[in-house]
Amino acid sequence: MVAYTQNELVSATEISKQFGEYISKVKNGVVDKIGVLKNNKLNAIILSVDEYENMVETINAMEDMQIYEEIKDRLKSPKNELLDGNNVLKKYGLSLDV
């Protein structure tokens, strides 16, 4: 779970009143993130564009690593355990023909 400092948690009402100020705080690095509270529950997070893009790139890299590991594991499978693509298509009544 991500921890928040007291100055990183703001009510939705306060955000609506001073939106520009809070955006500037995130953009200028005064705070890393702002948690928006609604009825005292965390409802949304405001991040800088750079932080968001870094997060997305990290997630994409992790997904690529998972795919790579899956491919490596499958390449270790004995040939007799592999499924023929045409047989799988036929089994499910599918075709690659247009």
N, C-alpha and C. Protein backbone atom coordinates (compact mmCIF):
# COMPACT_ATOMS: atom_id res chain seq x y z
N MET A 1 0.85 -1.18 0.00
CA MET A 1 0.00 0.00 0.00
C MET A 1 0.89 1.24 0.00
N VAL A 2 0.50 2.23 -0.73
CA VAL A 2 1.25 3.49 -0.84
C VAL A 2 0.95 4.36 0.37
N ALA A 3 1.99 4.95 0.92
CA ALA A 3 1.82 5.86 2.07
C ALA A 3 1.67 7.29 1.58
N TYR A 4 0.90 8.06 2.32
CA TYR A 4 0.67 9.47 1.99
C TYR A 4 1.01 10.32 3.21
N THR A 5 1.65 11.45 2.96
CA THR A 5 1.86 12.40 4.03
C THR A 5 0.59 13.24 4.17
N GLN A 6 0.48 13.96 5.26
CA GLN A 6 -0.73 14.74 5.50
C GLN A 6 -0.95 15.79 4.41
N ASN A 7 0.15 16.38 3.88
CA ASN A 7 -0.01 17.41 2.84
C ASN A 7 -0.28 16.81 1.46
N GLU A 8 -0.34 15.47 1.37
CA GLU A 8 -0.67 14.81 0.10
C GLU A 8 -2.12 14.34 0.04
N LEU A 9 -2.87 14.55 1.09
CA LEU A 9 -4.28 14.16 1.13
C LEU A 9 -5.16 15.40 1.20
N VAL A 10 -6.09 15.50 0.26
CA VAL A 10 -6.94 16.68 0.15
C VAL A 10 -8.36 16.24 -0.18
N SER A 11 -9.33 16.93 0.39
CA SER A 11 -10.72 16.60 0.09
C SER A 11 -11.07 17.03 -1.33
N ALA A 12 -12.04 16.36 -1.90
CA ALA A 12 -12.51 16.70 -3.24
C ALA A 12 -13.02 18.14 -3.28
N THR A 13 -13.65 18.58 -2.20
CA THR A 13 -14.15 19.96 -2.12
C THR A 13 -13.01 20.95 -2.19
N GLU A 14 -11.95 20.68 -1.44
CA GLU A 14 -10.78 21.57 -1.43
C GLU A 14 -10.10 21.59 -2.80
N ILE A 15 -10.00 20.43 -3.43
CA ILE A 15 -9.41 20.35 -4.77
C ILE A 15 -10.21 21.22 -5.74
N SER A 16 -11.53 21.12 -5.66
CA SER A 16 -12.36 21.89 -6.60
C SER A 16 -12.20 23.39 -6.39
N LYS A 17 -11.94 23.80 -5.17
CA LYS A 17 -11.78 25.23 -4.88
C LYS A 17 -10.43 25.76 -5.31
N GLN A 18 -9.39 24.92 -5.21
CA GLN A 18 -8.03 25.39 -5.49
C GLN A 18 -7.29 24.43 -6.41
N PHE A 19 -7.96 24.02 -7.46
CA PHE A 19 -7.41 23.03 -8.38
C PHE A 19 -6.05 23.44 -8.93
N GLY A 20 -5.95 24.65 -9.43
CA GLY A 20 -4.69 25.14 -10.02
C GLY A 20 -3.53 25.08 -9.05
N GLU A 21 -3.78 25.43 -7.81
CA GLU A 21 -2.73 25.41 -6.79
C GLU A 21 -2.20 23.99 -6.58
N TYR A 22 -3.10 23.03 -6.49
CA TYR A 22 -2.69 21.65 -6.26
C TYR A 22 -1.98 21.06 -7.48
N ILE A 23 -2.44 21.39 -8.66
CA ILE A 23 -1.76 20.95 -9.88
C ILE A 23 -0.35 21.50 -9.91
N SER A 24 -0.18 22.77 -9.55
CA SER A 24 1.15 23.38 -9.51
C SER A 24 2.06 22.68 -8.51
N LYS A 25 1.53 22.29 -7.36
CA LYS A 25 2.33 21.60 -6.35
C LYS A 25 2.88 20.29 -6.91
N VAL A 26 2.05 19.55 -7.63
CA VAL A 26 2.48 18.28 -8.21
C VAL A 26 3.47 18.55 -9.35
N LYS A 27 3.12 19.47 -10.21
CA LYS A 27 3.95 19.77 -11.38
C LYS A 27 5.34 20.26 -10.97
N ASN A 28 5.41 21.08 -9.93
CA ASN A 28 6.68 21.66 -9.50
C ASN A 28 7.44 20.78 -8.50
N GLY A 29 6.90 19.62 -8.19
CA GLY A 29 7.60 18.69 -7.31
C GLY A 29 7.52 19.01 -5.83
N VAL A 30 6.61 19.90 -5.44
CA VAL A 30 6.43 20.20 -4.01
C VAL A 30 5.92 18.94 -3.30
N VAL A 31 5.03 18.20 -3.97
CA VAL A 31 4.58 16.89 -3.50
C VAL A 31 4.67 15.92 -4.68
N ASP A 32 4.84 14.63 -4.38
CA ASP A 32 4.93 13.61 -5.44
C ASP A 32 3.56 13.29 -6.03
N LYS A 33 2.56 13.36 -5.17
CA LYS A 33 1.21 12.97 -5.56
C LYS A 33 0.22 13.64 -4.63
N ILE A 34 -1.02 13.68 -5.06
CA ILE A 34 -2.09 14.18 -4.20
C ILE A 34 -3.21 13.16 -4.22
N GLY A 35 -3.57 12.69 -3.04
CA GLY A 35 -4.69 11.78 -2.91
C GLY A 35 -5.95 12.59 -2.67
N VAL A 36 -6.94 12.36 -3.50
CA VAL A 36 -8.20 13.10 -3.39
C VAL A 36 -9.19 12.26 -2.58
N LEU A 37 -9.66 12.84 -1.48
CA LEU A 37 -10.58 12.15 -0.58
C LEU A 37 -12.03 12.56 -0.85
N LYS A 38 -12.90 11.59 -0.86
CA LYS A 38 -14.34 11.86 -0.95
C LYS A 38 -14.98 11.03 0.15
N ASN A 39 -15.69 11.69 1.03
CA ASN A 39 -16.28 11.03 2.21
C ASN A 39 -15.20 10.32 3.02
N ASN A 40 -14.05 10.98 3.16
CA ASN A 40 -12.91 10.47 3.93
C ASN A 40 -12.32 9.18 3.39
N LYS A 41 -12.56 8.87 2.13
CA LYS A 41 -11.97 7.69 1.49
C LYS A 41 -11.19 8.13 0.26
N LEU A 42 -10.02 7.52 0.09
CA LEU A 42 -9.19 7.84 -1.08
C LEU A 42 -9.96 7.47 -2.33
N ASN A 43 -10.12 8.45 -3.23
CA ASN A 43 -10.97 8.27 -4.40
C ASN A 43 -10.20 8.38 -5.71
N ALA A 44 -9.13 9.20 -5.71
CA ALA A 44 -8.35 9.41 -6.93
C ALA A 44 -6.97 9.93 -6.54
N ILE A 45 -6.04 9.87 -7.50
CA ILE A 45 -4.69 10.34 -7.29
C ILE A 45 -4.35 11.32 -8.41
N ILE A 46 -3.70 12.40 -8.06
CA ILE A 46 -3.19 13.35 -9.04
C ILE A 46 -1.68 13.18 -9.08
N LEU A 47 -1.15 12.90 -10.28
CA LEU A 47 0.28 12.71 -10.50
C LEU A 47 0.77 13.67 -11.57
N SER A 48 2.08 13.93 -11.56
CA SER A 48 2.65 14.71 -12.65
C SER A 48 2.66 13.85 -13.92
N VAL A 49 2.74 14.48 -15.06
CA VAL A 49 2.79 13.76 -16.34
C VAL A 49 4.02 12.85 -16.36
N ASP A 50 5.17 13.36 -15.91
CA ASP A 50 6.39 12.55 -15.91
C ASP A 50 6.23 11.30 -15.05
N GLU A 51 5.66 11.46 -13.86
CA GLU A 51 5.47 10.33 -12.96
C GLU A 51 4.52 9.30 -13.57
N TYR A 52 3.45 9.78 -14.18
CA TYR A 52 2.49 8.88 -14.82
C TYR A 52 3.15 8.12 -15.97
N GLU A 53 3.90 8.83 -16.82
CA GLU A 53 4.55 8.18 -17.96
C GLU A 53 5.59 7.16 -17.49
N ASN A 54 6.34 7.48 -16.43
CA ASN A 54 7.30 6.52 -15.87
C ASN A 54 6.58 5.27 -15.37
N MET A 55 5.45 5.48 -14.73
CA MET A 55 4.68 4.36 -14.20
C MET A 55 4.19 3.45 -15.34
N VAL A 56 3.66 4.05 -16.40
CA VAL A 56 3.17 3.28 -17.54
C VAL A 56 4.32 2.53 -18.21
N GLU A 57 5.46 3.18 -18.39
CA GLU A 57 6.62 2.52 -19.01
C GLU A 57 7.09 1.34 -18.15
N THR A 58 7.07 1.50 -16.85
CA THR A 58 7.47 0.42 -15.94
C THR A 58 6.51 -0.76 -16.05
N ILE A 59 5.23 -0.47 -16.08
CA ILE A 59 4.22 -1.54 -16.22
C ILE A 59 4.41 -2.27 -17.54
N ASN A 60 4.62 -1.51 -18.63
CA ASN A 60 4.82 -2.13 -19.93
C ASN A 60 6.07 -3.01 -19.95
N ALA A 61 7.15 -2.54 -19.32
CA ALA A 61 8.38 -3.33 -19.26
C ALA A 61 8.16 -4.62 -18.47
N MET A 62 7.41 -4.53 -17.39
CA MET A 62 7.11 -5.72 -16.59
C MET A 62 6.28 -6.72 -17.39
N GLU A 63 5.31 -6.23 -18.15
CA GLU A 63 4.50 -7.11 -18.99
C GLU A 63 5.36 -7.77 -20.05
N ASP A 64 6.28 -7.02 -20.65
CA ASP A 64 7.19 -7.59 -21.65
C ASP A 64 8.05 -8.69 -21.04
N MET A 65 8.53 -8.46 -19.81
CA MET A 65 9.35 -9.47 -19.13
C MET A 65 8.53 -10.73 -18.85
N GLN A 66 7.27 -10.57 -18.47
CA GLN A 66 6.41 -11.73 -18.22
C GLN A 66 6.19 -12.53 -19.50
N ILE A 67 5.98 -11.83 -20.61
CA ILE A 67 5.80 -12.50 -21.91
C ILE A 67 7.08 -13.24 -22.29
N TYR A 68 8.22 -12.59 -22.10
CA TYR A 68 9.51 -13.20 -22.42
C TYR A 68 9.72 -14.48 -21.61
N GLU A 69 9.43 -14.42 -20.31
CA GLU A 69 9.59 -15.59 -19.45
C GLU A 69 8.64 -16.71 -19.87
N GLU A 70 7.43 -16.36 -20.26
CA GLU A 70 6.47 -17.37 -20.73
C GLU A 70 6.97 -18.04 -22.00
N ILE A 71 7.51 -17.25 -22.91
CA ILE A 71 8.05 -17.81 -24.15
C ILE A 71 9.22 -18.74 -23.84
N LYS A 72 10.12 -18.31 -22.96
CA LYS A 72 11.26 -19.16 -22.58
C LYS A 72 10.78 -20.48 -22.00
N ASP A 73 9.78 -20.43 -21.13
CA ASP A 73 9.25 -21.66 -20.53
C ASP A 73 8.63 -22.56 -21.58
N ARG A 74 7.89 -21.97 -22.50
CA ARG A 74 7.23 -22.78 -23.53
C ARG A 74 8.24 -23.41 -24.48
N LEU A 75 9.35 -22.72 -24.74
CA LEU A 75 10.37 -23.29 -25.63
C LEU A 75 11.04 -24.52 -25.01
N LYS A 76 10.95 -24.65 -23.69
CA LYS A 76 11.52 -25.81 -23.01
C LYS A 76 10.61 -27.03 -23.08
N SER A 77 9.36 -26.82 -23.50
CA SER A 77 8.40 -27.92 -23.57
C SER A 77 8.82 -28.92 -24.65
N PRO A 78 8.67 -30.22 -24.37
CA PRO A 78 8.96 -31.23 -25.39
C PRO A 78 8.03 -31.05 -26.59
N LYS A 79 8.56 -31.30 -27.78
CA LYS A 79 7.80 -31.10 -29.01
C LYS A 79 6.48 -31.88 -29.02
N ASN A 80 6.50 -33.07 -28.42
CA ASN A 80 5.29 -33.89 -28.46
C ASN A 80 4.17 -33.32 -27.58
N GLU A 81 4.48 -32.34 -26.72
CA GLU A 81 3.46 -31.72 -25.88
C GLU A 81 2.87 -30.46 -26.52
N LEU A 82 3.45 -30.03 -27.64
CA LEU A 82 2.98 -28.81 -28.30
C LEU A 82 1.71 -29.12 -29.10
N LEU A 83 0.85 -28.12 -29.22
CA LEU A 83 -0.39 -28.28 -29.98
C LEU A 83 -0.20 -27.74 -31.38
N ASP A 84 -0.72 -28.44 -32.35
CA ASP A 84 -0.67 -27.99 -33.72
C ASP A 84 -1.76 -26.93 -33.91
N GLY A 85 -1.39 -25.77 -34.44
CA GLY A 85 -2.33 -24.66 -34.60
C GLY A 85 -3.54 -25.02 -35.44
N ASN A 86 -3.33 -25.76 -36.51
CA ASN A 86 -4.45 -26.15 -37.38
C ASN A 86 -5.44 -27.04 -36.65
N ASN A 87 -4.93 -27.95 -35.82
CA ASN A 87 -5.82 -28.83 -35.05
C ASN A 87 -6.63 -28.04 -34.03
N VAL A 88 -6.02 -27.06 -33.41
CA VAL A 88 -6.73 -26.22 -32.43
C VAL A 88 -7.83 -25.45 -33.13
N LEU A 89 -7.53 -24.85 -34.29
CA LEU A 89 -8.55 -24.11 -35.04
C LEU A 89 -9.70 -25.03 -35.41
N LYS A 90 -9.37 -26.23 -35.91
CA LYS A 90 -10.39 -27.19 -36.32
C LYS A 90 -11.26 -27.60 -35.14
N LYS A 91 -10.62 -27.84 -33.99
CA LYS A 91 -11.35 -28.26 -32.79
C LYS A 91 -12.42 -27.25 -32.39
N TYR A 92 -12.12 -25.98 -32.55
CA TYR A 92 -13.05 -24.92 -32.14
C TYR A 92 -13.84 -24.33 -33.31
N GLY A 93 -13.75 -24.97 -34.46
CA GLY A 93 -14.51 -24.54 -35.61
C GLY A 93 -14.09 -23.18 -36.15
N LEU A 94 -12.81 -22.90 -36.04
CA LEU A 94 -12.28 -21.62 -36.51
C LEU A 94 -11.44 -21.81 -37.75
N SER A 95 -11.21 -20.71 -38.46
CA SER A 95 -10.40 -20.75 -39.67
C SER A 95 -9.66 -19.45 -39.83
N LEU A 96 -8.49 -19.52 -40.48
CA LEU A 96 -7.74 -18.30 -40.78
C LEU A 96 -8.13 -17.72 -42.14
N ASP A 97 -8.96 -18.46 -42.87
CA ASP A 97 -9.43 -17.97 -44.16
C ASP A 97 -10.40 -16.83 -43.98
N VAL A 98 -10.31 -15.85 -44.88
CA VAL A 98 -11.18 -14.68 -44.79
C VAL A 98 -12.51 -14.94 -45.43
